[in-house]
Amino acid sequence: MATLSDETLRKILNQIQQTAIQSQRALNVSKQQIAAKERERRILQLTIEEITSLKGGVNLYKGVGKMFMNVPRPTMERDLQSEEKELTEDIKNLEKKSKYLEKQFNDAQAQLRDIFHSAPNQ
C-alpha cells in the first residue's frame, strides 16, 4: 500500500466510508420497516383471535373506501390469514436484507480498521 499515492488512498478511504454510511442508513430503514410490519402482523393476529372468539351468527363488516360491506365469516378469516402470511414473508425478507446490510457495514468497518492499523505512524 505504500506504493499508492496519497490521492488514491484518500479516494479508497472515502469510498469505504461512503459504503459504511450507506449500509448503516439502509440497515436503520430496514429495521424500522421490520418493526412496522411486526406491529401490523400483531394487530392482524389480535383481530383473527377476536373474530374466532365470536359466535357464529355475528355479522362481520370490512371497510371499503368510505363504506362498510358485510363479509361472510370464512372470507374474512381467509383474507386476514393471507394478509398475515404476506406480512410474515415480508418480515423474513427484510430480516435477510438486514443481515446482508449488517455484514456489509461490518466489512466496511473492518476494512477501515485494517487501513488505520496497518498505516505507518507518521
PDB file of N, CA and C in Angstrom:
ATOM      1  N   MET A   1       0.814  -1.188   0.000  1.00  0.00           N
ATOM      2  CA  MET A   1       0.000   0.000   0.000  1.00  0.00           C
ATOM      3  C   MET A   1       0.859   1.253   0.000  1.00  0.00           C
ATOM      4  N   ALA A   2       2.108   1.126   0.322  1.00  0.00           N
ATOM      5  CA  ALA A   2       2.985   2.282   0.353  1.00  0.00           C
ATOM      6  C   ALA A   2       3.232   2.816  -1.054  1.00  0.00           C
ATOM      7  N   THR A   3       3.016   1.987  -2.070  1.00  0.00           N
ATOM      8  CA  THR A   3       3.255   2.423  -3.443  1.00  0.00           C
ATOM      9  C   THR A   3       2.104   3.262  -3.988  1.00  0.00           C
ATOM     10  N   LEU A   4       0.968   3.244  -3.336  1.00  0.00           N
ATOM     11  CA  LEU A   4      -0.171   4.046  -3.789  1.00  0.00           C
ATOM     12  C   LEU A   4       0.024   5.498  -3.372  1.00  0.00           C
ATOM     13  N   SER A   5      -0.428   6.396  -4.231  1.00  0.00           N
ATOM     14  CA  SER A   5      -0.301   7.816  -3.909  1.00  0.00           C
ATOM     15  C   SER A   5      -1.310   8.202  -2.835  1.00  0.00           C
ATOM     16  N   ASP A   6      -1.056   9.340  -2.203  1.00  0.00           N
ATOM     17  CA  ASP A   6      -1.956   9.816  -1.158  1.00  0.00           C
ATOM     18  C   ASP A   6      -3.360  10.057  -1.698  1.00  0.00           C
ATOM     19  N   GLU A   7      -3.438  10.557  -2.918  1.00  0.00           N
ATOM     20  CA  GLU A   7      -4.742  10.828  -3.532  1.00  0.00           C
ATOM     21  C   GLU A   7      -5.532   9.540  -3.734  1.00  0.00           C
ATOM     22  N   THR A   8      -4.860   8.490  -4.185  1.00  0.00           N
ATOM     23  CA  THR A   8      -5.509   7.200  -4.394  1.00  0.00           C
ATOM     24  C   THR A   8      -5.976   6.621  -3.059  1.00  0.00           C
ATOM     25  N   LEU A   9      -5.136   6.699  -2.063  1.00  0.00           N
ATOM     26  CA  LEU A   9      -5.513   6.212  -0.734  1.00  0.00           C
ATOM     27  C   LEU A   9      -6.715   6.981  -0.196  1.00  0.00           C
ATOM     28  N   ARG A  10      -6.712   8.272  -0.411  1.00  0.00           N
ATOM     29  CA  ARG A  10      -7.821   9.119   0.062  1.00  0.00           C
ATOM     30  C   ARG A  10      -9.128   8.709  -0.635  1.00  0.00           C
ATOM     31  N   LYS A  11      -9.055   8.422  -1.939  1.00  0.00           N
ATOM     32  CA  LYS A  11     -10.250   8.006  -2.676  1.00  0.00           C
ATOM     33  C   LYS A  11     -10.767   6.664  -2.171  1.00  0.00           C
ATOM     34  N   ILE A  12      -9.836   5.738  -1.949  1.00  0.00           N
ATOM     35  CA  ILE A  12     -10.231   4.415  -1.443  1.00  0.00           C
ATOM     36  C   ILE A  12     -10.874   4.542  -0.067  1.00  0.00           C
ATOM     37  N   LEU A  13     -10.253   5.322   0.796  1.00  0.00           N
ATOM     38  CA  LEU A  13     -10.769   5.527   2.138  1.00  0.00           C
ATOM     39  C   LEU A  13     -12.155   6.174   2.099  1.00  0.00           C
ATOM     40  N   ASN A  14     -12.318   7.162   1.242  1.00  0.00           N
ATOM     41  CA  ASN A  14     -13.597   7.854   1.104  1.00  0.00           C
ATOM     42  C   ASN A  14     -14.677   6.895   0.604  1.00  0.00           C
ATOM     43  N   GLN A  15     -14.324   6.043  -0.347  1.00  0.00           N
ATOM     44  CA  GLN A  15     -15.276   5.084  -0.884  1.00  0.00           C
ATOM     45  C   GLN A  15     -15.720   4.089   0.192  1.00  0.00           C
ATOM     46  N   ILE A  16     -14.785   3.606   0.985  1.00  0.00           N
ATOM     47  CA  ILE A  16     -15.121   2.662   2.064  1.00  0.00           C
ATOM     48  C   ILE A  16     -16.015   3.349   3.100  1.00  0.00           C
ATOM     49  N   GLN A  17     -15.706   4.602   3.421  1.00  0.00           N
ATOM     50  CA  GLN A  17     -16.533   5.336   4.375  1.00  0.00           C
ATOM     51  C   GLN A  17     -17.951   5.525   3.840  1.00  0.00           C
ATOM     52  N   GLN A  18     -18.080   5.841   2.563  1.00  0.00           N
ATOM     53  CA  GLN A  18     -19.400   6.013   1.960  1.00  0.00           C
ATOM     54  C   GLN A  18     -20.189   4.705   1.985  1.00  0.00           C
ATOM     55  N   THR A  19     -19.515   3.605   1.720  1.00  0.00           N
ATOM     56  CA  THR A  19     -20.171   2.293   1.778  1.00  0.00           C
ATOM     57  C   THR A  19     -20.684   2.014   3.189  1.00  0.00           C
ATOM     58  N   ALA A  20     -19.866   2.321   4.182  1.00  0.00           N
ATOM     59  CA  ALA A  20     -20.276   2.105   5.578  1.00  0.00           C
ATOM     60  C   ALA A  20     -21.479   2.972   5.934  1.00  0.00           C
ATOM     61  N   ILE A  21     -21.450   4.223   5.512  1.00  0.00           N
ATOM     62  CA  ILE A  21     -22.552   5.143   5.828  1.00  0.00           C
ATOM     63  C   ILE A  21     -23.845   4.697   5.148  1.00  0.00           C
ATOM     64  N   GLN A  22     -23.760   4.333   3.871  1.00  0.00           N
ATOM     65  CA  GLN A  22     -24.950   3.886   3.143  1.00  0.00           C
ATOM     66  C   GLN A  22     -25.509   2.597   3.733  1.00  0.00           C
ATOM     67  N   SER A  23     -24.638   1.690   4.107  1.00  0.00           N
ATOM     68  CA  SER A  23     -25.091   0.434   4.709  1.00  0.00           C
ATOM     69  C   SER A  23     -25.780   0.691   6.039  1.00  0.00           C
ATOM     70  N   GLN A  24     -25.224   1.590   6.842  1.00  0.00           N
ATOM     71  CA  GLN A  24     -25.822   1.905   8.141  1.00  0.00           C
ATOM     72  C   GLN A  24     -27.203   2.535   7.968  1.00  0.00           C
ATOM     73  N   ARG A  25     -27.332   3.456   7.028  1.00  0.00           N
ATOM     74  CA  ARG A  25     -28.636   4.092   6.783  1.00  0.00           C
ATOM     75  C   ARG A  25     -29.666   3.064   6.305  1.00  0.00           C
ATOM     76  N   ALA A  26     -29.269   2.237   5.341  1.00  0.00           N
ATOM     77  CA  ALA A  26     -30.187   1.226   4.825  1.00  0.00           C
ATOM     78  C   ALA A  26     -30.565   0.232   5.914  1.00  0.00           C
ATOM     79  N   LEU A  27     -29.631  -0.092   6.788  1.00  0.00           N
ATOM     80  CA  LEU A  27     -29.907  -1.011   7.894  1.00  0.00           C
ATOM     81  C   LEU A  27     -30.938  -0.406   8.850  1.00  0.00           C
ATOM     82  N   ASN A  28     -30.794   0.872   9.154  1.00  0.00           N
ATOM     83  CA  ASN A  28     -31.764   1.538  10.032  1.00  0.00           C
ATOM     84  C   ASN A  28     -33.159   1.559   9.406  1.00  0.00           C
ATOM     85  N   VAL A  29     -33.237   1.849   8.115  1.00  0.00           N
ATOM     86  CA  VAL A  29     -34.530   1.859   7.420  1.00  0.00           C
ATOM     87  C   VAL A  29     -35.147   0.461   7.452  1.00  0.00           C
ATOM     88  N   SER A  30     -34.330  -0.546   7.208  1.00  0.00           N
ATOM     89  CA  SER A  30     -34.803  -1.919   7.205  1.00  0.00           C
ATOM     90  C   SER A  30     -35.340  -2.322   8.581  1.00  0.00           C
ATOM     91  N   LYS A  31     -34.640  -1.929   9.629  1.00  0.00           N
ATOM     92  CA  LYS A  31     -35.098  -2.251  10.988  1.00  0.00           C
ATOM     93  C   LYS A  31     -36.422  -1.554  11.302  1.00  0.00           C
ATOM     94  N   GLN A  32     -36.582  -0.319  10.832  1.00  0.00           N
ATOM     95  CA  GLN A  32     -37.842   0.395  11.046  1.00  0.00           C
ATOM     96  C   GLN A  32     -38.981  -0.285  10.296  1.00  0.00           C
ATOM     97  N   GLN A  33     -38.713  -0.747   9.075  1.00  0.00           N
ATOM     98  CA  GLN A  33     -39.733  -1.453   8.305  1.00  0.00           C
ATOM     99  C   GLN A  33     -40.121  -2.760   8.983  1.00  0.00           C
ATOM    100  N   ILE A  34     -39.144  -3.459   9.540  1.00  0.00           N
ATOM    101  CA  ILE A  34     -39.436  -4.705  10.251  1.00  0.00           C
ATOM    102  C   ILE A  34     -40.338  -4.425  11.449  1.00  0.00           C
ATOM    103  N   ALA A  35     -40.028  -3.371  12.202  1.00  0.00           N
ATOM    104  CA  ALA A  35     -40.841  -3.028  13.367  1.00  0.00           C
ATOM    105  C   ALA A  35     -42.276  -2.696  12.954  1.00  0.00           C
ATOM    106  N   ALA A  36     -42.439  -1.959  11.863  1.00  0.00           N
ATOM    107  CA  ALA A  36     -43.784  -1.603  11.399  1.00  0.00           C
ATOM    108  C   ALA A  36     -44.559  -2.837  10.956  1.00  0.00           C
ATOM    109  N   LYS A  37     -43.889  -3.727  10.225  1.00  0.00           N
ATOM    110  CA  LYS A  37     -44.550  -4.961   9.767  1.00  0.00           C
ATOM    111  C   LYS A  37     -44.910  -5.857  10.945  1.00  0.00           C
ATOM    112  N   GLU A  38     -44.047  -5.902  11.963  1.00  0.00           N
ATOM    113  CA  GLU A  38     -44.341  -6.691  13.170  1.00  0.00           C
ATOM    114  C   GLU A  38     -45.592  -6.146  13.864  1.00  0.00           C
ATOM    115  N   ARG A  39     -45.700  -4.825  13.955  1.00  0.00           N
ATOM    116  CA  ARG A  39     -46.896  -4.225  14.564  1.00  0.00           C
ATOM    117  C   ARG A  39     -48.147  -4.586  13.774  1.00  0.00           C
ATOM    118  N   GLU A  40     -48.073  -4.465  12.450  1.00  0.00           N
ATOM    119  CA  GLU A  40     -49.216  -4.806  11.607  1.00  0.00           C
ATOM    120  C   GLU A  40     -49.607  -6.274  11.788  1.00  0.00           C
ATOM    121  N   ARG A  41     -48.605  -7.142  11.815  1.00  0.00           N
ATOM    122  CA  ARG A  41     -48.884  -8.567  11.970  1.00  0.00           C
ATOM    123  C   ARG A  41     -49.531  -8.851  13.315  1.00  0.00           C
ATOM    124  N   ARG A  42     -49.059  -8.194  14.351  1.00  0.00           N
ATOM    125  CA  ARG A  42     -49.632  -8.403  15.691  1.00  0.00           C
ATOM    126  C   ARG A  42     -51.089  -7.934  15.734  1.00  0.00           C
ATOM    127  N   ILE A  43     -51.372  -6.811  15.081  1.00  0.00           N
ATOM    128  CA  ILE A  43     -52.761  -6.319  15.031  1.00  0.00           C
ATOM    129  C   ILE A  43     -53.643  -7.320  14.299  1.00  0.00           C
ATOM    130  N   LEU A  44     -53.136  -7.871  13.187  1.00  0.00           N
ATOM    131  CA  LEU A  44     -53.899  -8.884  12.457  1.00  0.00           C
ATOM    132  C   LEU A  44     -54.138 -10.128  13.312  1.00  0.00           C
ATOM    133  N   GLN A  45     -53.119 -10.558  14.043  1.00  0.00           N
ATOM    134  CA  GLN A  45     -53.274 -11.731  14.902  1.00  0.00           C
ATOM    135  C   GLN A  45     -54.354 -11.487  15.955  1.00  0.00           C
ATOM    136  N   LEU A  46     -54.350 -10.296  16.544  1.00  0.00           N
ATOM    137  CA  LEU A  46     -55.373  -9.972  17.542  1.00  0.00           C
ATOM    138  C   LEU A  46     -56.762  -9.926  16.915  1.00  0.00           C
ATOM    139  N   THR A  47     -56.860  -9.392  15.714  1.00  0.00           N
ATOM    140  CA  THR A  47     -58.148  -9.340  15.017  1.00  0.00           C
ATOM    141  C   THR A  47     -58.646 -10.749  14.720  1.00  0.00           C
ATOM    142  N   ILE A  48     -57.755 -11.612  14.268  1.00  0.00           N
ATOM    143  CA  ILE A  48     -58.138 -13.006  13.994  1.00  0.00           C
ATOM    144  C   ILE A  48     -58.613 -13.687  15.268  1.00  0.00           C
ATOM    145  N   GLU A  49     -57.913 -13.462  16.374  1.00  0.00           N
ATOM    146  CA  GLU A  49     -58.327 -14.048  17.658  1.00  0.00           C
ATOM    147  C   GLU A  49     -59.708 -13.564  18.058  1.00  0.00           C
ATOM    148  N   GLU A  50     -59.976 -12.277  17.873  1.00  0.00           N
ATOM    149  CA  GLU A  50     -61.285 -11.714  18.228  1.00  0.00           C
ATOM    150  C   GLU A  50     -62.387 -12.308  17.359  1.00  0.00           C
ATOM    151  N   ILE A  51     -62.126 -12.440  16.072  1.00  0.00           N
ATOM    152  CA  ILE A  51     -63.137 -12.983  15.164  1.00  0.00           C
ATOM    153  C   ILE A  51     -63.434 -14.437  15.490  1.00  0.00           C
ATOM    154  N   THR A  52     -62.414 -15.215  15.783  1.00  0.00           N
ATOM    155  CA  THR A  52     -62.637 -16.634  16.098  1.00  0.00           C
ATOM    156  C   THR A  52     -63.353 -16.809  17.434  1.00  0.00           C
ATOM    157  N   SER A  53     -63.235 -15.829  18.315  1.00  0.00           N
ATOM    158  CA  SER A  53     -63.918 -15.954  19.610  1.00  0.00           C
ATOM    159  C   SER A  53     -65.394 -15.550  19.532  1.00  0.00           C
ATOM    160  N   LEU A  54     -65.817 -14.924  18.430  1.00  0.00           N
ATOM    161  CA  LEU A  54     -67.214 -14.516  18.273  1.00  0.00           C
ATOM    162  C   LEU A  54     -68.101 -15.710  17.956  1.00  0.00           C
ATOM    163  N   LYS A  55     -69.389 -15.557  18.278  1.00  0.00           N
ATOM    164  CA  LYS A  55     -70.354 -16.608  17.967  1.00  0.00           C
ATOM    165  C   LYS A  55     -70.596 -16.637  16.460  1.00  0.00           C
ATOM    166  N   GLY A  56     -71.190 -17.732  15.983  1.00  0.00           N
ATOM    167  CA  GLY A  56     -71.372 -17.946  14.552  1.00  0.00           C
ATOM    168  C   GLY A  56     -72.311 -16.982  13.859  1.00  0.00           C
ATOM    169  N   GLY A  57     -73.308 -16.429  14.525  1.00  0.00           N
ATOM    170  CA  GLY A  57     -74.314 -15.603  13.858  1.00  0.00           C
ATOM    171  C   GLY A  57     -73.989 -14.122  13.809  1.00  0.00           C
ATOM    172  N   VAL A  58     -72.790 -13.739  14.156  1.00  0.00           N
ATOM    173  CA  VAL A  58     -72.419 -12.328  14.203  1.00  0.00           C
ATOM    174  C   VAL A  58     -72.062 -11.840  12.796  1.00  0.00           C
ATOM    175  N   ASN A  59     -72.581 -10.654  12.438  1.00  0.00           N
ATOM    176  CA  ASN A  59     -72.248 -10.063  11.143  1.00  0.00           C
ATOM    177  C   ASN A  59     -70.859  -9.430  11.211  1.00  0.00           C
ATOM    178  N   LEU A  60     -70.074  -9.644  10.148  1.00  0.00           N
ATOM    179  CA  LEU A  60     -68.745  -9.057  10.059  1.00  0.00           C
ATOM    180  C   LEU A  60     -68.730  -8.075   8.890  1.00  0.00           C
ATOM    181  N   TYR A  61     -68.100  -6.935   9.104  1.00  0.00           N
ATOM    182  CA  TYR A  61     -68.035  -5.903   8.083  1.00  0.00           C
ATOM    183  C   TYR A  61     -66.589  -5.536   7.800  1.00  0.00           C
ATOM    184  N   LYS A  62     -66.335  -5.241   6.517  1.00  0.00           N
ATOM    185  CA  LYS A  62     -64.999  -4.861   6.101  1.00  0.00           C
ATOM    186  C   LYS A  62     -65.080  -3.476   5.465  1.00  0.00           C
ATOM    187  N   GLY A  63     -64.125  -2.610   5.847  1.00  0.00           N
ATOM    188  CA  GLY A  63     -64.100  -1.268   5.298  1.00  0.00           C
ATOM    189  C   GLY A  63     -63.654  -1.265   3.849  1.00  0.00           C
ATOM    190  N   VAL A  64     -64.444  -0.633   2.998  1.00  0.00           N
ATOM    191  CA  VAL A  64     -64.113  -0.491   1.582  1.00  0.00           C
ATOM    192  C   VAL A  64     -64.303   0.977   1.231  1.00  0.00           C
ATOM    193  N   GLY A  65     -63.203   1.705   1.157  1.00  0.00           N
ATOM    194  CA  GLY A  65     -63.307   3.138   0.895  1.00  0.00           C
ATOM    195  C   GLY A  65     -63.969   3.831   2.060  1.00  0.00           C
ATOM    196  N   LYS A  66     -65.108   4.479   1.774  1.00  0.00           N
ATOM    197  CA  LYS A  66     -65.826   5.202   2.827  1.00  0.00           C
ATOM    198  C   LYS A  66     -67.030   4.426   3.351  1.00  0.00           C
ATOM    199  N   MET A  67     -67.158   3.169   2.952  1.00  0.00           N
ATOM    200  CA  MET A  67     -68.308   2.391   3.411  1.00  0.00           C
ATOM    201  C   MET A  67     -67.847   1.047   3.972  1.00  0.00           C
ATOM    202  N   PHE A  68     -68.785   0.342   4.550  1.00  0.00           N
ATOM    203  CA  PHE A  68     -68.517  -0.976   5.101  1.00  0.00           C
ATOM    204  C   PHE A  68     -69.413  -1.992   4.398  1.00  0.00           C
ATOM    205  N   MET A  69     -68.822  -3.133   4.052  1.00  0.00           N
ATOM    206  CA  MET A  69     -69.590  -4.181   3.386  1.00  0.00           C
ATOM    207  C   MET A  69     -69.645  -5.408   4.285  1.00  0.00           C
ATOM    208  N   ASN A  70     -70.826  -6.040   4.290  1.00  0.00           N
ATOM    209  CA  ASN A  70     -70.997  -7.280   5.033  1.00  0.00           C
ATOM    210  C   ASN A  70     -70.196  -8.376   4.329  1.00  0.00           C
ATOM    211  N   VAL A  71     -69.346  -9.069   5.107  1.00  0.00           N
ATOM    212  CA  VAL A  71     -68.476 -10.100   4.546  1.00  0.00           C
ATOM    213  C   VAL A  71     -68.728 -11.400   5.309  1.00  0.00           C
ATOM    214  N   PRO A  72     -68.879 -12.511   4.583  1.00  0.00           N
ATOM    215  CA  PRO A  72     -69.050 -13.798   5.272  1.00  0.00           C
ATOM    216  C   PRO A  72     -67.823 -14.114   6.131  1.00  0.00           C
ATOM    217  N   ARG A  73     -68.073 -14.786   7.225  1.00  0.00           N
ATOM    218  CA  ARG A  73     -67.008 -15.088   8.184  1.00  0.00           C
ATOM    219  C   ARG A  73     -65.827 -15.852   7.560  1.00  0.00           C
ATOM    220  N   PRO A  74     -66.073 -16.914   6.788  1.00  0.00           N
ATOM    221  CA  PRO A  74     -64.924 -17.644   6.212  1.00  0.00           C
ATOM    222  C   PRO A  74     -64.077 -16.767   5.289  1.00  0.00           C
ATOM    223  N   THR A  75     -64.728 -15.885   4.549  1.00  0.00           N
ATOM    224  CA  THR A  75     -63.993 -14.987   3.652  1.00  0.00           C
ATOM    225  C   THR A  75     -63.127 -14.027   4.455  1.00  0.00           C
ATOM    226  N   MET A  76     -63.693 -13.485   5.511  1.00  0.00           N
ATOM    227  CA  MET A  76     -62.956 -12.547   6.367  1.00  0.00           C
ATOM    228  C   MET A  76     -61.746 -13.237   7.000  1.00  0.00           C
ATOM    229  N   GLU A  77     -61.955 -14.438   7.535  1.00  0.00           N
ATOM    230  CA  GLU A  77     -60.850 -15.171   8.165  1.00  0.00           C
ATOM    231  C   GLU A  77     -59.769 -15.510   7.145  1.00  0.00           C
ATOM    232  N   ARG A  78     -60.181 -15.928   5.948  1.00  0.00           N
ATOM    233  CA  ARG A  78     -59.218 -16.278   4.901  1.00  0.00           C
ATOM    234  C   ARG A  78     -58.406 -15.038   4.478  1.00  0.00           C
ATOM    235  N   ASP A  79     -59.081 -13.908   4.318  1.00  0.00           N
ATOM    236  CA  ASP A  79     -58.389 -12.669   3.935  1.00  0.00           C
ATOM    237  C   ASP A  79     -57.377 -12.242   4.994  1.00  0.00           C
ATOM    238  N   LEU A  80     -57.786 -12.302   6.254  1.00  0.00           N
ATOM    239  CA  LEU A  80     -56.891 -11.898   7.334  1.00  0.00           C
ATOM    240  C   LEU A  80     -55.686 -12.837   7.435  1.00  0.00           C
ATOM    241  N   GLN A  81     -55.930 -14.130   7.277  1.00  0.00           N
ATOM    242  CA  GLN A  81     -54.820 -15.082   7.358  1.00  0.00           C
ATOM    243  C   GLN A  81     -53.859 -14.923   6.181  1.00  0.00           C
ATOM    244  N   SER A  82     -54.386 -14.605   4.998  1.00  0.00           N
ATOM    245  CA  SER A  82     -53.490 -14.398   3.854  1.00  0.00           C
ATOM    246  C   SER A  82     -52.675 -13.114   4.044  1.00  0.00           C
ATOM    247  N   GLU A  83     -53.286 -12.081   4.609  1.00  0.00           N
ATOM    248  CA  GLU A  83     -52.545 -10.850   4.919  1.00  0.00           C
ATOM    249  C   GLU A  83     -51.435 -11.124   5.933  1.00  0.00           C
ATOM    250  N   GLU A  84     -51.763 -11.929   6.944  1.00  0.00           N
ATOM    251  CA  GLU A  84     -50.768 -12.274   7.960  1.00  0.00           C
ATOM    252  C   GLU A  84     -49.613 -13.062   7.336  1.00  0.00           C
ATOM    253  N   LYS A  85     -49.936 -13.972   6.426  1.00  0.00           N
ATOM    254  CA  LYS A  85     -48.902 -14.757   5.753  1.00  0.00           C
ATOM    255  C   LYS A  85     -47.993 -13.845   4.924  1.00  0.00           C
ATOM    256  N   GLU A  86     -48.585 -12.888   4.205  1.00  0.00           N
ATOM    257  CA  GLU A  86     -47.798 -11.939   3.411  1.00  0.00           C
ATOM    258  C   GLU A  86     -46.871 -11.111   4.298  1.00  0.00           C
ATOM    259  N   LEU A  87     -47.396 -10.653   5.431  1.00  0.00           N
ATOM    260  CA  LEU A  87     -46.573  -9.865   6.349  1.00  0.00           C
ATOM    261  C   LEU A  87     -45.428 -10.698   6.910  1.00  0.00           C
ATOM    262  N   THR A  88     -45.699 -11.958   7.218  1.00  0.00           N
ATOM    263  CA  THR A  88     -44.647 -12.833   7.727  1.00  0.00           C
ATOM    264  C   THR A  88     -43.546 -13.015   6.683  1.00  0.00           C
ATOM    265  N   GLU A  89     -43.928 -13.198   5.421  1.00  0.00           N
ATOM    266  CA  GLU A  89     -42.939 -13.328   4.351  1.00  0.00           C
ATOM    267  C   GLU A  89     -42.141 -12.040   4.174  1.00  0.00           C
ATOM    268  N   ASP A  90     -42.845 -10.901   4.242  1.00  0.00           N
ATOM    269  CA  ASP A  90     -42.158  -9.606   4.136  1.00  0.00           C
ATOM    270  C   ASP A  90     -41.136  -9.435   5.250  1.00  0.00           C
ATOM    271  N   ILE A  91     -41.516  -9.829   6.456  1.00  0.00           N
ATOM    272  CA  ILE A  91     -40.611  -9.706   7.606  1.00  0.00           C
ATOM    273  C   ILE A  91     -39.385 -10.592   7.408  1.00  0.00           C
ATOM    274  N   LYS A  92     -39.600 -11.813   6.928  1.00  0.00           N
ATOM    275  CA  LYS A  92     -38.467 -12.713   6.684  1.00  0.00           C
ATOM    276  C   LYS A  92     -37.517 -12.118   5.649  1.00  0.00           C
ATOM    277  N   ASN A  93     -38.074 -11.563   4.573  1.00  0.00           N
ATOM    278  CA  ASN A  93     -37.236 -10.953   3.536  1.00  0.00           C
ATOM    279  C   ASN A  93     -36.478  -9.742   4.070  1.00  0.00           C
ATOM    280  N   LEU A  94     -37.154  -8.926   4.883  1.00  0.00           N
ATOM    281  CA  LEU A  94     -36.479  -7.761   5.462  1.00  0.00           C
ATOM    282  C   LEU A  94     -35.379  -8.174   6.432  1.00  0.00           C
ATOM    283  N   GLU A  95     -35.593  -9.274   7.162  1.00  0.00           N
ATOM    284  CA  GLU A  95     -34.555  -9.753   8.078  1.00  0.00           C
ATOM    285  C   GLU A  95     -33.332 -10.244   7.303  1.00  0.00           C
ATOM    286  N   LYS A  96     -33.565 -10.904   6.164  1.00  0.00           N
ATOM    287  CA  LYS A  96     -32.443 -11.327   5.319  1.00  0.00           C
ATOM    288  C   LYS A  96     -31.680 -10.105   4.809  1.00  0.00           C
ATOM    289  N   LYS A  97     -32.428  -9.108   4.377  1.00  0.00           N
ATOM    290  CA  LYS A  97     -31.806  -7.870   3.883  1.00  0.00           C
ATOM    291  C   LYS A  97     -31.016  -7.194   4.993  1.00  0.00           C
ATOM    292  N   SER A  98     -31.563  -7.184   6.198  1.00  0.00           N
ATOM    293  CA  SER A  98     -30.872  -6.567   7.337  1.00  0.00           C
ATOM    294  C   SER A  98     -29.568  -7.293   7.648  1.00  0.00           C
ATOM    295  N   LYS A  99     -29.594  -8.619   7.592  1.00  0.00           N
ATOM    296  CA  LYS A  99     -28.373  -9.389   7.849  1.00  0.00           C
ATOM    297  C   LYS A  99     -27.308  -9.059   6.814  1.00  0.00           C
ATOM    298  N   TYR A 100     -27.715  -8.962   5.550  1.00  0.00           N
ATOM    299  CA  TYR A 100     -26.766  -8.622   4.485  1.00  0.00           C
ATOM    300  C   TYR A 100     -26.186  -7.229   4.703  1.00  0.00           C
ATOM    301  N   LEU A 101     -27.047  -6.256   5.019  1.00  0.00           N
ATOM    302  CA  LEU A 101     -26.586  -4.879   5.226  1.00  0.00           C
ATOM    303  C   LEU A 101     -25.679  -4.779   6.449  1.00  0.00           C
ATOM    304  N   GLU A 102     -26.006  -5.533   7.487  1.00  0.00           N
ATOM    305  CA  GLU A 102     -25.175  -5.533   8.682  1.00  0.00           C
ATOM    306  C   GLU A 102     -23.792  -6.112   8.374  1.00  0.00           C
ATOM    307  N   LYS A 103     -23.765  -7.177   7.579  1.00  0.00           N
ATOM    308  CA  LYS A 103     -22.493  -7.767   7.178  1.00  0.00           C
ATOM    309  C   LYS A 103     -21.694  -6.782   6.331  1.00  0.00           C
ATOM    310  N   GLN A 104     -22.359  -6.108   5.416  1.00  0.00           N
ATOM    311  CA  GLN A 104     -21.696  -5.122   4.563  1.00  0.00           C
ATOM    312  C   GLN A 104     -21.115  -3.983   5.410  1.00  0.00           C
ATOM    313  N   PHE A 105     -21.874  -3.522   6.390  1.00  0.00           N
ATOM    314  CA  PHE A 105     -21.410  -2.460   7.268  1.00  0.00           C
ATOM    315  C   PHE A 105     -20.208  -2.920   8.089  1.00  0.00           C
ATOM    316  N   ASN A 106     -20.296  -4.119   8.644  1.00  0.00           N
ATOM    317  CA  ASN A 106     -19.186  -4.652   9.440  1.00  0.00           C
ATOM    318  C   ASN A 106     -17.927  -4.849   8.601  1.00  0.00           C
ATOM    319  N   ASP A 107     -18.114  -5.287   7.355  1.00  0.00           N
ATOM    320  CA  ASP A 107     -16.962  -5.447   6.461  1.00  0.00           C
ATOM    321  C   ASP A 107     -16.293  -4.106   6.178  1.00  0.00           C
ATOM    322  N   ALA A 108     -17.103  -3.087   5.928  1.00  0.00           N
ATOM    323  CA  ALA A 108     -16.550  -1.755   5.660  1.00  0.00           C
ATOM    324  C   ALA A 108     -15.808  -1.227   6.886  1.00  0.00           C
ATOM    325  N   GLN A 109     -16.379  -1.444   8.060  1.00  0.00           N
ATOM    326  CA  GLN A 109     -15.708  -1.010   9.289  1.00  0.00           C
ATOM    327  C   GLN A 109     -14.389  -1.764   9.476  1.00  0.00           C
ATOM    328  N   ALA A 110     -14.401  -3.048   9.198  1.00  0.00           N
ATOM    329  CA  ALA A 110     -13.179  -3.844   9.334  1.00  0.00           C
ATOM    330  C   ALA A 110     -12.109  -3.373   8.350  1.00  0.00           C
ATOM    331  N   GLN A 111     -12.509  -3.031   7.152  1.00  0.00           N
ATOM    332  CA  GLN A 111     -11.556  -2.514   6.172  1.00  0.00           C
ATOM    333  C   GLN A 111     -10.947  -1.199   6.650  1.00  0.00           C
ATOM    334  N   LEU A 112     -11.795  -0.325   7.178  1.00  0.00           N
ATOM    335  CA  LEU A 112     -11.281   0.948   7.712  1.00  0.00           C
ATOM    336  C   LEU A 112     -10.319   0.701   8.866  1.00  0.00           C
ATOM    337  N   ARG A 113     -10.684  -0.207   9.747  1.00  0.00           N
ATOM    338  CA  ARG A 113      -9.843  -0.541  10.898  1.00  0.00           C
ATOM    339  C   ARG A 113      -8.486  -1.076  10.423  1.00  0.00           C
ATOM    340  N   ASP A 114      -8.538  -1.970   9.439  1.00  0.00           N
ATOM    341  CA  ASP A 114      -7.300  -2.545   8.902  1.00  0.00           C
ATOM    342  C   ASP A 114      -6.416  -1.475   8.276  1.00  0.00           C
ATOM    343  N   ILE A 115      -7.025  -0.552   7.561  1.00  0.00           N
ATOM    344  CA  ILE A 115      -6.249   0.514   6.919  1.00  0.00           C
ATOM    345  C   ILE A 115      -5.553   1.369   7.970  1.00  0.00           C
ATOM    346  N   PHE A 116      -6.291   1.731   9.004  1.00  0.00           N
ATOM    347  CA  PHE A 116      -5.698   2.611  10.017  1.00  0.00           C
ATOM    348  C   PHE A 116      -4.665   1.899  10.889  1.00  0.00           C
ATOM    349  N   HIS A 117      -4.887   0.605  11.140  1.00  0.00           N
ATOM    350  CA  HIS A 117      -3.913  -0.136  11.957  1.00  0.00           C
ATOM    351  C   HIS A 117      -2.656  -0.504  11.174  1.00  0.00           C
ATOM    352  N   SER A 118      -2.812  -0.694   9.856  1.00  0.00           N
ATOM    353  CA  SER A 118      -1.649  -1.063   9.061  1.00  0.00           C
ATOM    354  C   SER A 118      -0.869   0.159   8.575  1.00  0.00           C
ATOM    355  N   ALA A 119      -1.480   1.332   8.663  1.00  0.00           N
ATOM    356  CA  ALA A 119      -0.795   2.541   8.208  1.00  0.00           C
ATOM    357  C   ALA A 119       0.356   2.856   9.163  1.00  0.00           C
ATOM    358  N   PRO A 120       1.507   3.226   8.618  1.00  0.00           N
ATOM    359  CA  PRO A 120       2.624   3.569   9.494  1.00  0.00           C
ATOM    360  C   PRO A 120       2.342   4.871  10.260  1.00  0.00           C
ATOM    361  N   ASN A 121       2.795   4.913  11.474  1.00  0.00           N
ATOM    362  CA  ASN A 121       2.587   6.118  12.291  1.00  0.00           C
ATOM    363  C   ASN A 121       3.434   7.245  11.724  1.00  0.00           C
ATOM    364  N   GLN A 122       2.784   8.341  11.431  1.00  0.00           N
ATOM    365  CA  GLN A 122       3.507   9.479  10.845  1.00  0.00           C
ATOM    366  C   GLN A 122       3.630  10.601  11.827  1.00  0.00           C
TER     367      GLN A 122
END
